[in-house]
Amino acid sequence: MVPILGLWMPIVVAAVLVFLVSSIIHMALTYHRADYKRIPDEEGTLEGLRKANLSPGLYFFPYCTSPKDMGAPEMQERYKRGPVGMYIAMPSGPPTMTKSLVLWFVYCLIVGVFTAYLAGLVLGPGTDYLRVFRITGTAAFMAYGVGAFVDSIWKGYPWGNTCRAMIDGLIFALITAGTFGWLWPKG
């Protein structure tokens, strides 16, 4: 067993490396450009949304007040007519990356802490690199990659988006695993 405080270095170094690599992936590589599509008649659609004066939040349309009402003929007709979807309303104003980048780095640290906690419980000092790599890589992939499935299952995200997110998650997990293997306490 290795105490979590004894793993602070791989936690921080892995978070920094994942943060840097994710920045490179999103700024230099182009495969995430397919994640979003432009709305046809964007200005007309936005004008309609402005008139609705939506507060920030997650909206589902057509909206149904209860599962029982989903089977009502009027509701079924609204679903057939479409569109059916979810809309995320964010606060108005120019987008700012600072808050998102800070929260992403905090998330990377949290993944590192939980990865360290799990690995520290099952591995001792002096454990060989490959075993540390396998355990920490699996834990990190569960945090960075597997969760993307939920968005396609429940929110209708395109499966291509999920596949790209899982590729990123695998890269981040491999970086985390390599860092933990490299900096794992010696026996």
N, C-alpha and C. Protein backbone atom coordinates (compact mmCIF):
# COMPACT_ATOMS: atom_id res chain seq x y z
N MET A 1 0.84 -1.18 0.00
CA MET A 1 0.00 0.00 0.00
C MET A 1 0.89 1.25 0.00
N VAL A 2 0.47 2.24 -0.78
CA VAL A 2 1.18 3.52 -0.83
C VAL A 2 0.19 4.62 -0.44
N PRO A 3 0.52 5.44 0.56
CA PRO A 3 -0.40 6.51 0.95
C PRO A 3 -0.55 7.53 -0.18
N ILE A 4 -1.72 8.10 -0.28
CA ILE A 4 -2.02 9.03 -1.37
C ILE A 4 -1.08 10.23 -1.37
N LEU A 5 -0.67 10.69 -0.18
CA LEU A 5 0.26 11.83 -0.12
C LEU A 5 1.62 11.47 -0.70
N GLY A 6 1.96 10.19 -0.69
CA GLY A 6 3.21 9.73 -1.30
C GLY A 6 3.15 9.73 -2.81
N LEU A 7 1.98 10.01 -3.37
CA LEU A 7 1.80 10.00 -4.82
C LEU A 7 1.46 11.39 -5.37
N TRP A 8 1.76 12.43 -4.59
CA TRP A 8 1.42 13.77 -5.04
C TRP A 8 2.14 14.14 -6.33
N MET A 9 3.39 13.69 -6.49
CA MET A 9 4.16 14.05 -7.68
C MET A 9 3.53 13.48 -8.96
N PRO A 10 3.23 12.17 -9.03
CA PRO A 10 2.59 11.68 -10.26
C PRO A 10 1.21 12.29 -10.50
N ILE A 11 0.49 12.62 -9.43
CA ILE A 11 -0.82 13.26 -9.59
C ILE A 11 -0.66 14.60 -10.32
N VAL A 12 0.23 15.44 -9.84
CA VAL A 12 0.42 16.78 -10.41
C VAL A 12 1.04 16.71 -11.80
N VAL A 13 2.08 15.89 -11.96
CA VAL A 13 2.75 15.80 -13.26
C VAL A 13 1.81 15.24 -14.32
N ALA A 14 1.04 14.21 -13.98
CA ALA A 14 0.07 13.65 -14.94
C ALA A 14 -0.97 14.69 -15.32
N ALA A 15 -1.47 15.46 -14.35
CA ALA A 15 -2.47 16.49 -14.64
C ALA A 15 -1.90 17.55 -15.58
N VAL A 16 -0.68 17.98 -15.34
CA VAL A 16 -0.04 18.98 -16.20
C VAL A 16 0.15 18.42 -17.61
N LEU A 17 0.65 17.20 -17.72
CA LEU A 17 0.87 16.61 -19.04
C LEU A 17 -0.43 16.40 -19.81
N VAL A 18 -1.46 15.90 -19.13
CA VAL A 18 -2.77 15.72 -19.79
C VAL A 18 -3.31 17.07 -20.24
N PHE A 19 -3.19 18.08 -19.39
CA PHE A 19 -3.66 19.42 -19.74
C PHE A 19 -2.94 19.94 -20.99
N LEU A 20 -1.62 19.78 -21.04
CA LEU A 20 -0.86 20.26 -22.20
C LEU A 20 -1.21 19.48 -23.46
N VAL A 21 -1.28 18.16 -23.36
CA VAL A 21 -1.60 17.35 -24.54
C VAL A 21 -3.03 17.64 -25.02
N SER A 22 -3.96 17.81 -24.10
CA SER A 22 -5.33 18.12 -24.52
C SER A 22 -5.39 19.47 -25.23
N SER A 23 -4.59 20.40 -24.79
CA SER A 23 -4.53 21.71 -25.46
C SER A 23 -3.99 21.56 -26.87
N ILE A 24 -2.96 20.76 -27.05
CA ILE A 24 -2.41 20.52 -28.38
C ILE A 24 -3.44 19.82 -29.26
N ILE A 25 -4.11 18.82 -28.71
CA ILE A 25 -5.13 18.09 -29.49
C ILE A 25 -6.20 19.04 -30.00
N HIS A 26 -6.68 19.91 -29.14
CA HIS A 26 -7.79 20.78 -29.53
C HIS A 26 -7.37 21.99 -30.35
N MET A 27 -6.11 22.41 -30.24
CA MET A 27 -5.68 23.58 -31.01
C MET A 27 -4.99 23.20 -32.32
N ALA A 28 -4.23 22.11 -32.31
CA ALA A 28 -3.42 21.80 -33.49
C ALA A 28 -4.04 20.72 -34.38
N LEU A 29 -4.69 19.75 -33.78
CA LEU A 29 -5.28 18.68 -34.59
C LEU A 29 -6.69 19.09 -35.01
N THR A 30 -7.18 18.52 -36.08
CA THR A 30 -8.47 18.98 -36.62
C THR A 30 -9.61 18.01 -36.42
N TYR A 31 -9.40 16.87 -35.79
CA TYR A 31 -10.46 15.88 -35.76
C TYR A 31 -11.65 16.26 -34.87
N HIS A 32 -11.52 17.25 -34.02
CA HIS A 32 -12.66 17.68 -33.20
C HIS A 32 -13.54 18.72 -33.91
N ARG A 33 -13.13 19.16 -35.08
CA ARG A 33 -13.95 20.13 -35.81
C ARG A 33 -15.29 19.50 -36.23
N ALA A 34 -15.33 18.19 -36.31
CA ALA A 34 -16.57 17.49 -36.68
C ALA A 34 -17.54 17.35 -35.51
N ASP A 35 -17.15 17.79 -34.32
CA ASP A 35 -18.01 17.63 -33.15
C ASP A 35 -19.27 18.49 -33.19
N TYR A 36 -19.22 19.62 -33.86
CA TYR A 36 -20.34 20.56 -33.85
C TYR A 36 -20.78 20.89 -35.27
N LYS A 37 -22.06 21.15 -35.41
CA LYS A 37 -22.62 21.53 -36.70
C LYS A 37 -23.28 22.90 -36.58
N ARG A 38 -23.32 23.60 -37.70
CA ARG A 38 -23.97 24.91 -37.75
C ARG A 38 -25.47 24.70 -37.97
N ILE A 39 -26.27 25.49 -37.30
CA ILE A 39 -27.73 25.45 -37.47
C ILE A 39 -28.08 26.19 -38.77
N PRO A 40 -28.86 25.56 -39.64
CA PRO A 40 -29.32 26.30 -40.82
C PRO A 40 -30.18 27.49 -40.36
N ASP A 41 -30.13 28.57 -41.08
CA ASP A 41 -30.83 29.79 -40.70
C ASP A 41 -30.51 30.14 -39.24
N GLU A 42 -29.22 30.19 -38.96
CA GLU A 42 -28.77 30.44 -37.60
C GLU A 42 -29.35 31.73 -37.02
N GLU A 43 -29.32 32.81 -37.80
CA GLU A 43 -29.80 34.09 -37.27
C GLU A 43 -31.29 34.03 -36.93
N GLY A 44 -32.09 33.39 -37.79
CA GLY A 44 -33.52 33.25 -37.51
C GLY A 44 -33.78 32.41 -36.26
N THR A 45 -33.04 31.33 -36.13
CA THR A 45 -33.17 30.47 -34.96
C THR A 45 -32.76 31.22 -33.69
N LEU A 46 -31.63 31.93 -33.77
CA LEU A 46 -31.18 32.69 -32.60
C LEU A 46 -32.16 33.79 -32.22
N GLU A 47 -32.77 34.41 -33.22
CA GLU A 47 -33.76 35.45 -32.92
C GLU A 47 -34.95 34.85 -32.16
N GLY A 48 -35.39 33.67 -32.57
CA GLY A 48 -36.47 32.99 -31.85
C GLY A 48 -36.08 32.65 -30.42
N LEU A 49 -34.85 32.21 -30.24
CA LEU A 49 -34.39 31.89 -28.89
C LEU A 49 -34.24 33.15 -28.04
N ARG A 50 -33.81 34.26 -28.65
CA ARG A 50 -33.73 35.53 -27.91
C ARG A 50 -35.11 35.93 -27.41
N LYS A 51 -36.12 35.78 -28.26
CA LYS A 51 -37.49 36.14 -27.87
C LYS A 51 -37.98 35.29 -26.69
N ALA A 52 -37.49 34.04 -26.63
CA ALA A 52 -37.90 33.15 -25.54
C ALA A 52 -37.27 33.57 -24.21
N ASN A 53 -36.19 34.39 -24.26
CA ASN A 53 -35.53 34.89 -23.06
C ASN A 53 -35.17 33.76 -22.08
N LEU A 54 -34.50 32.75 -22.59
CA LEU A 54 -34.15 31.59 -21.78
C LEU A 54 -33.05 31.92 -20.78
N SER A 55 -33.19 31.42 -19.57
CA SER A 55 -32.12 31.54 -18.60
C SER A 55 -31.15 30.38 -18.85
N PRO A 56 -29.90 30.49 -18.39
CA PRO A 56 -28.96 29.39 -18.59
C PRO A 56 -29.51 28.09 -18.01
N GLY A 57 -29.32 27.01 -18.75
CA GLY A 57 -29.79 25.70 -18.30
C GLY A 57 -29.89 24.72 -19.45
N LEU A 58 -30.34 23.53 -19.16
CA LEU A 58 -30.51 22.46 -20.13
C LEU A 58 -32.00 22.32 -20.43
N TYR A 59 -32.35 22.40 -21.70
CA TYR A 59 -33.75 22.34 -22.13
C TYR A 59 -33.94 21.12 -23.03
N PHE A 60 -35.08 20.46 -22.89
CA PHE A 60 -35.45 19.32 -23.73
C PHE A 60 -36.69 19.72 -24.51
N PHE A 61 -36.70 19.39 -25.80
CA PHE A 61 -37.87 19.72 -26.62
C PHE A 61 -38.21 18.58 -27.56
N PRO A 62 -39.49 18.36 -27.81
CA PRO A 62 -40.62 18.96 -27.11
C PRO A 62 -40.65 18.48 -25.66
N TYR A 63 -41.04 19.39 -24.78
CA TYR A 63 -41.02 19.12 -23.35
C TYR A 63 -42.29 18.38 -22.93
N CYS A 64 -42.11 17.42 -22.06
CA CYS A 64 -43.21 16.62 -21.54
C CYS A 64 -43.13 16.65 -20.02
N THR A 65 -44.24 16.88 -19.35
CA THR A 65 -44.21 17.06 -17.89
C THR A 65 -44.05 15.76 -17.11
N SER A 66 -44.44 14.62 -17.71
CA SER A 66 -44.29 13.36 -16.97
C SER A 66 -44.15 12.21 -17.97
N PRO A 67 -43.55 11.11 -17.54
CA PRO A 67 -43.43 9.95 -18.44
C PRO A 67 -44.79 9.44 -18.93
N LYS A 68 -45.81 9.58 -18.09
CA LYS A 68 -47.15 9.13 -18.48
C LYS A 68 -47.65 9.91 -19.70
N ASP A 69 -47.36 11.22 -19.70
CA ASP A 69 -47.81 12.07 -20.80
C ASP A 69 -47.09 11.78 -22.12
N MET A 70 -45.95 11.11 -22.06
CA MET A 70 -45.21 10.82 -23.29
C MET A 70 -46.02 9.98 -24.27
N GLY A 71 -46.91 9.16 -23.74
CA GLY A 71 -47.73 8.29 -24.59
C GLY A 71 -48.97 8.95 -25.15
N ALA A 72 -49.28 10.17 -24.71
CA ALA A 72 -50.48 10.86 -25.18
C ALA A 72 -50.37 11.13 -26.69
N PRO A 73 -51.48 11.00 -27.42
CA PRO A 73 -51.44 11.20 -28.87
C PRO A 73 -50.88 12.57 -29.28
N GLU A 74 -51.22 13.63 -28.53
CA GLU A 74 -50.70 14.96 -28.88
C GLU A 74 -49.18 15.01 -28.76
N MET A 75 -48.68 14.36 -27.69
CA MET A 75 -47.23 14.35 -27.47
C MET A 75 -46.54 13.52 -28.54
N GLN A 76 -47.12 12.38 -28.87
CA GLN A 76 -46.54 11.53 -29.93
C GLN A 76 -46.48 12.29 -31.25
N GLU A 77 -47.50 13.08 -31.53
CA GLU A 77 -47.52 13.88 -32.77
C GLU A 77 -46.42 14.94 -32.74
N ARG A 78 -46.21 15.56 -31.59
CA ARG A 78 -45.14 16.56 -31.47
C ARG A 78 -43.78 15.92 -31.70
N TYR A 79 -43.59 14.70 -31.16
CA TYR A 79 -42.33 13.99 -31.38
C TYR A 79 -42.14 13.67 -32.86
N LYS A 80 -43.19 13.20 -33.52
CA LYS A 80 -43.11 12.85 -34.94
C LYS A 80 -42.80 14.07 -35.79
N ARG A 81 -43.46 15.21 -35.47
CA ARG A 81 -43.24 16.44 -36.22
C ARG A 81 -41.81 16.95 -36.06
N GLY A 82 -41.26 16.78 -34.85
CA GLY A 82 -39.89 17.20 -34.58
C GLY A 82 -39.74 18.70 -34.61
N PRO A 83 -38.57 19.19 -34.41
CA PRO A 83 -37.39 18.43 -34.02
C PRO A 83 -37.47 17.97 -32.56
N VAL A 84 -36.67 16.98 -32.24
CA VAL A 84 -36.55 16.46 -30.88
C VAL A 84 -35.09 16.67 -30.48
N GLY A 85 -34.88 17.23 -29.32
CA GLY A 85 -33.50 17.46 -28.93
C GLY A 85 -33.33 18.08 -27.57
N MET A 86 -32.09 18.45 -27.32
CA MET A 86 -31.71 19.15 -26.10
C MET A 86 -30.97 20.42 -26.50
N TYR A 87 -31.12 21.42 -25.69
CA TYR A 87 -30.47 22.69 -25.93
C TYR A 87 -29.84 23.16 -24.63
N ILE A 88 -28.58 23.53 -24.67
CA ILE A 88 -27.90 24.07 -23.50
C ILE A 88 -27.79 25.57 -23.69
N ALA A 89 -28.41 26.32 -22.81
CA ALA A 89 -28.31 27.78 -22.85
C ALA A 89 -27.25 28.21 -21.85
N MET A 90 -26.27 28.94 -22.34
CA MET A 90 -25.21 29.47 -21.48
C MET A 90 -25.45 30.97 -21.31
N PRO A 91 -24.79 31.58 -20.34
CA PRO A 91 -24.96 33.03 -20.16
C PRO A 91 -24.55 33.77 -21.43
N SER A 92 -25.26 34.83 -21.76
CA SER A 92 -24.92 35.63 -22.94
C SER A 92 -23.60 36.34 -22.71
N GLY A 93 -22.92 36.63 -23.80
CA GLY A 93 -21.64 37.33 -23.74
C GLY A 93 -20.58 36.54 -24.46
N PRO A 94 -19.46 37.19 -24.73
CA PRO A 94 -18.38 36.48 -25.43
C PRO A 94 -17.91 35.28 -24.62
N PRO A 95 -17.65 34.16 -25.31
CA PRO A 95 -17.16 32.98 -24.58
C PRO A 95 -15.78 33.26 -23.97
N THR A 96 -15.58 32.72 -22.78
CA THR A 96 -14.29 32.83 -22.12
C THR A 96 -13.76 31.44 -21.83
N MET A 97 -12.53 31.23 -22.15
CA MET A 97 -11.94 29.90 -21.95
C MET A 97 -11.32 29.76 -20.56
N THR A 98 -11.05 30.86 -19.89
CA THR A 98 -10.32 30.79 -18.62
C THR A 98 -11.00 29.87 -17.62
N LYS A 99 -12.28 30.07 -17.36
CA LYS A 99 -12.99 29.25 -16.38
C LYS A 99 -12.98 27.78 -16.79
N SER A 100 -13.24 27.50 -18.06
CA SER A 100 -13.26 26.12 -18.53
C SER A 100 -11.89 25.47 -18.42
N LEU A 101 -10.84 26.19 -18.75
CA LEU A 101 -9.49 25.63 -18.65
C LEU A 101 -9.10 25.36 -17.20
N VAL A 102 -9.47 26.27 -16.30
CA VAL A 102 -9.19 26.05 -14.87
C VAL A 102 -9.94 24.82 -14.37
N LEU A 103 -11.23 24.73 -14.73
CA LEU A 103 -12.01 23.57 -14.30
C LEU A 103 -11.49 22.27 -14.91
N TRP A 104 -11.03 22.31 -16.16
CA TRP A 104 -10.45 21.13 -16.81
C TRP A 104 -9.19 20.69 -16.06
N PHE A 105 -8.34 21.64 -15.67
CA PHE A 105 -7.13 21.28 -14.93
C PHE A 105 -7.50 20.69 -13.57
N VAL A 106 -8.47 21.27 -12.90
CA VAL A 106 -8.93 20.73 -11.61
C VAL A 106 -9.45 19.30 -11.81
N TYR A 107 -10.20 19.08 -12.90
CA TYR A 107 -10.69 17.73 -13.19
C TYR A 107 -9.51 16.77 -13.40
N CYS A 108 -8.48 17.20 -14.12
CA CYS A 108 -7.30 16.35 -14.32
C CYS A 108 -6.65 16.00 -12.99
N LEU A 109 -6.60 16.96 -12.07
CA LEU A 109 -6.06 16.68 -10.73
C LEU A 109 -6.94 15.68 -9.99
N ILE A 110 -8.26 15.84 -10.10
CA ILE A 110 -9.18 14.92 -9.42
C ILE A 110 -9.03 13.51 -9.97
N VAL A 111 -8.91 13.38 -11.29
CA VAL A 111 -8.68 12.05 -11.87
C VAL A 111 -7.38 11.47 -11.32
N GLY A 112 -6.35 12.30 -11.23
CA GLY A 112 -5.08 11.83 -10.67
C GLY A 112 -5.20 11.39 -9.23
N VAL A 113 -5.97 12.12 -8.43
CA VAL A 113 -6.15 11.77 -7.02
C VAL A 113 -6.86 10.42 -6.89
N PHE A 114 -7.93 10.22 -7.65
CA PHE A 114 -8.65 8.95 -7.55
C PHE A 114 -7.84 7.79 -8.14
N THR A 115 -7.09 8.07 -9.19
CA THR A 115 -6.21 7.04 -9.75
C THR A 115 -5.15 6.66 -8.72
N ALA A 116 -4.57 7.66 -8.06
CA ALA A 116 -3.56 7.40 -7.03
C ALA A 116 -4.16 6.64 -5.85
N TYR A 117 -5.37 7.02 -5.46
CA TYR A 117 -6.02 6.35 -4.34
C TYR A 117 -6.20 4.86 -4.64
N LEU A 118 -6.75 4.56 -5.81
CA LEU A 118 -6.95 3.16 -6.19
C LEU A 118 -5.63 2.41 -6.29
N ALA A 119 -4.68 2.99 -7.01
CA ALA A 119 -3.39 2.31 -7.19
C ALA A 119 -2.67 2.15 -5.85
N GLY A 120 -2.76 3.17 -5.00
CA GLY A 120 -2.11 3.09 -3.70
C GLY A 120 -2.68 1.99 -2.82
N LEU A 121 -3.95 1.66 -3.01
CA LEU A 121 -4.57 0.58 -2.24
C LEU A 121 -4.11 -0.80 -2.69
N VAL A 122 -3.89 -0.96 -3.99
CA VAL A 122 -3.62 -2.31 -4.52
C VAL A 122 -2.16 -2.55 -4.87
N LEU A 123 -1.35 -1.50 -4.91
CA LEU A 123 0.06 -1.65 -5.28
C LEU A 123 0.95 -1.14 -4.16
N GLY A 124 2.08 -1.76 -4.00
CA GLY A 124 3.02 -1.32 -2.98
C GLY A 124 4.21 -0.60 -3.59
N PRO A 125 5.05 -0.02 -2.74
CA PRO A 125 6.27 0.61 -3.24
C PRO A 125 7.11 -0.43 -3.99
N GLY A 126 7.75 0.01 -5.03
CA GLY A 126 8.62 -0.89 -5.78
C GLY A 126 7.90 -1.76 -6.80
N THR A 127 6.60 -1.57 -6.97
CA THR A 127 5.86 -2.34 -7.98
C THR A 127 6.42 -2.01 -9.35
N ASP A 128 6.53 -3.03 -10.20
CA ASP A 128 7.14 -2.80 -11.51
C ASP A 128 6.29 -1.89 -12.38
N TYR A 129 6.96 -1.22 -13.31
CA TYR A 129 6.36 -0.19 -14.16
C TYR A 129 5.11 -0.69 -14.87
N LEU A 130 5.17 -1.86 -15.49
CA LEU A 130 4.05 -2.34 -16.30
C LEU A 130 2.79 -2.58 -15.46
N ARG A 131 2.97 -3.11 -14.26
CA ARG A 131 1.79 -3.33 -13.41
C ARG A 131 1.18 -1.99 -12.97
N VAL A 132 2.01 -1.04 -12.60
CA VAL A 132 1.51 0.30 -12.25
C VAL A 132 0.80 0.91 -13.45
N PHE A 133 1.41 0.77 -14.63
CA PHE A 133 0.85 1.30 -15.86
C PHE A 133 -0.54 0.73 -16.12
N ARG A 134 -0.69 -0.59 -15.99
CA ARG A 134 -1.97 -1.23 -16.27
C ARG A 134 -3.07 -0.78 -15.30
N ILE A 135 -2.76 -0.76 -14.02
CA ILE A 135 -3.76 -0.39 -13.01
C ILE A 135 -4.15 1.08 -13.16
N THR A 136 -3.17 1.97 -13.23
CA THR A 136 -3.48 3.40 -13.30
C THR A 136 -4.08 3.77 -14.66
N GLY A 137 -3.64 3.11 -15.72
CA GLY A 137 -4.21 3.38 -17.04
C GLY A 137 -5.67 2.99 -17.11
N THR A 138 -6.01 1.87 -16.52
CA THR A 138 -7.41 1.43 -16.50
C THR A 138 -8.28 2.42 -15.72
N ALA A 139 -7.81 2.81 -14.54
CA ALA A 139 -8.57 3.76 -13.73
C ALA A 139 -8.73 5.10 -14.45
N ALA A 140 -7.66 5.59 -15.04
CA ALA A 140 -7.72 6.88 -15.73
C ALA A 140 -8.62 6.81 -16.96
N PHE A 141 -8.59 5.69 -17.69
CA PHE A 141 -9.45 5.57 -18.86
C PHE A 141 -10.93 5.57 -18.47
N MET A 142 -11.23 4.97 -17.33
CA MET A 142 -12.62 5.00 -16.86
C MET A 142 -13.07 6.43 -16.61
N ALA A 143 -12.18 7.28 -16.14
CA ALA A 143 -12.54 8.68 -15.87
C ALA A 143 -12.53 9.53 -17.14
N TYR A 144 -11.52 9.36 -17.97
CA TYR A 144 -11.38 10.23 -19.15
C TYR A 144 -12.15 9.74 -20.38
N GLY A 145 -12.39 8.44 -20.50
CA GLY A 145 -12.95 7.93 -21.75
C GLY A 145 -14.30 7.27 -21.67
N VAL A 146 -14.51 6.42 -20.69
CA VAL A 146 -15.73 5.61 -20.64
C VAL A 146 -16.98 6.47 -20.42
N GLY A 147 -16.85 7.53 -19.67
CA GLY A 147 -18.00 8.39 -19.37
C GLY A 147 -18.63 9.01 -20.60
N ALA A 148 -17.90 9.08 -21.70
CA ALA A 148 -18.43 9.67 -22.93
C ALA A 148 -19.63 8.89 -23.46
N PHE A 149 -19.71 7.60 -23.16
CA PHE A 149 -20.83 6.78 -23.61
C PHE A 149 -22.18 7.34 -23.14
N VAL A 150 -22.20 7.89 -21.93
CA VAL A 150 -23.44 8.39 -21.34
C VAL A 150 -24.07 9.46 -22.22
N ASP A 151 -23.25 10.33 -22.79
CA ASP A 151 -23.79 11.41 -23.61
C ASP A 151 -24.48 10.89 -24.87
N SER A 152 -23.95 9.83 -25.47
CA SER A 152 -24.61 9.26 -26.65
C SER A 152 -25.85 8.47 -26.27
N ILE A 153 -25.81 7.80 -25.13
CA ILE A 153 -26.95 6.99 -24.71
C ILE A 153 -28.13 7.87 -24.30
N TRP A 154 -27.90 8.87 -23.47
CA TRP A 154 -29.00 9.63 -22.89
C TRP A 154 -29.22 11.01 -23.50
N LYS A 155 -28.22 11.59 -24.12
CA LYS A 155 -28.38 12.95 -24.63
C LYS A 155 -28.37 13.03 -26.15
N GLY A 156 -28.22 11.90 -26.82
CA GLY A 156 -28.29 11.91 -28.27
C GLY A 156 -27.05 12.42 -28.96
N TYR A 157 -25.92 12.52 -28.26
CA TYR A 157 -24.69 12.96 -28.93
C TYR A 157 -24.38 11.97 -30.03
N PRO A 158 -23.89 12.45 -31.15
CA PRO A 158 -23.51 11.53 -32.23
C PRO A 158 -22.41 10.57 -31.75
N TRP A 159 -22.50 9.32 -32.19
CA TRP A 159 -21.52 8.32 -31.76
C TRP A 159 -20.11 8.68 -32.23
N GLY A 160 -20.00 9.41 -33.32
CA GLY A 160 -18.68 9.87 -33.77
C GLY A 160 -18.03 10.76 -32.73
N ASN A 161 -18.82 11.65 -32.11
CA ASN A 161 -18.31 12.50 -31.04
C ASN A 161 -17.80 11.64 -29.88
N THR A 162 -18.58 10.61 -29.55
CA THR A 162 -18.19 9.72 -28.45
C THR A 162 -16.89 8.99 -28.79
N CYS A 163 -16.76 8.53 -30.01
CA CYS A 163 -15.53 7.84 -30.41
C CYS A 163 -14.33 8.77 -30.31
N ARG A 164 -14.48 10.01 -30.77
CA ARG A 164 -13.37 10.97 -30.68
C ARG A 164 -13.05 11.27 -29.21
N ALA A 165 -14.07 11.40 -28.37
CA ALA A 165 -13.83 11.64 -26.94
C ALA A 165 -13.12 10.45 -26.30
N MET A 166 -13.47 9.24 -26.74
CA MET A 166 -12.82 8.06 -26.18
C MET A 166 -11.37 7.94 -26.65
N ILE A 167 -11.09 8.37 -27.87
CA ILE A 167 -9.70 8.40 -28.34
C ILE A 167 -8.89 9.36 -27.46
N ASP A 168 -9.45 10.55 -27.22
CA ASP A 168 -8.79 11.50 -26.32
C ASP A 168 -8.60 10.87 -24.94
N GLY A 169 -9.65 10.23 -24.43
CA GLY A 169 -9.58 9.59 -23.12
C GLY A 169 -8.49 8.54 -23.04
N LEU A 170 -8.33 7.77 -24.12
CA LEU A 170 -7.27 6.76 -24.16
C LEU A 170 -5.90 7.43 -24.12
N ILE A 171 -5.73 8.49 -24.89
CA ILE A 171 -4.45 9.22 -24.89
C ILE A 171 -4.17 9.76 -23.49
N PHE A 172 -5.16 10.37 -22.86
CA PHE A 172 -4.97 10.93 -21.51
C PHE A 172 -4.68 9.82 -20.49
N ALA A 173 -5.34 8.68 -20.64
CA ALA A 173 -5.10 7.55 -19.73
C ALA A 173 -3.68 7.00 -19.90
N LEU A 174 -3.21 6.92 -21.14
CA LEU A 174 -1.85 6.43 -21.38
C LEU A 174 -0.82 7.39 -20.80
N ILE A 175 -1.06 8.69 -20.92
CA ILE A 175 -0.15 9.68 -20.32
C ILE A 175 -0.15 9.54 -18.80
N THR A 176 -1.33 9.40 -18.22
CA THR A 176 -1.45 9.24 -16.77
C THR A 176 -0.73 7.97 -16.32
N ALA A 177 -0.98 6.87 -17.02
CA ALA A 177 -0.36 5.59 -16.66
C ALA A 177 1.16 5.66 -16.77
N GLY A 178 1.65 6.27 -17.85
CA GLY A 178 3.10 6.40 -18.02
C GLY A 178 3.72 7.25 -16.93
N THR A 179 3.04 8.29 -16.55
CA THR A 179 3.55 9.18 -15.49
C THR A 179 3.59 8.44 -14.15
N PHE A 180 2.51 7.73 -13.82
CA PHE A 180 2.50 6.98 -12.56
C PHE A 180 3.55 5.88 -12.56
N GLY A 181 3.70 5.19 -13.69
CA GLY A 181 4.72 4.14 -13.77
C GLY A 181 6.12 4.71 -13.58
N TRP A 182 6.37 5.84 -14.18
CA TRP A 182 7.67 6.51 -14.13
C TRP A 182 7.99 7.02 -12.73
N LEU A 183 6.98 7.61 -12.06
CA LEU A 183 7.21 8.27 -10.76
C LEU A 183 6.75 7.43 -9.57
N TRP A 184 6.43 6.16 -9.80
CA TRP A 184 5.97 5.31 -8.70
C TRP A 184 7.09 5.14 -7.67
N PRO A 185 6.75 5.21 -6.37
CA PRO A 185 7.78 5.10 -5.33
C PRO A 185 8.55 3.77 -5.43
N LYS A 186 9.85 3.88 -5.29
CA LYS A 186 10.71 2.69 -5.33
C LYS A 186 10.62 1.94 -4.00
N GLY A 187 10.95 0.65 -4.05
CA GLY A 187 10.84 -0.19 -2.85
C GLY A 187 11.85 0.10 -1.79
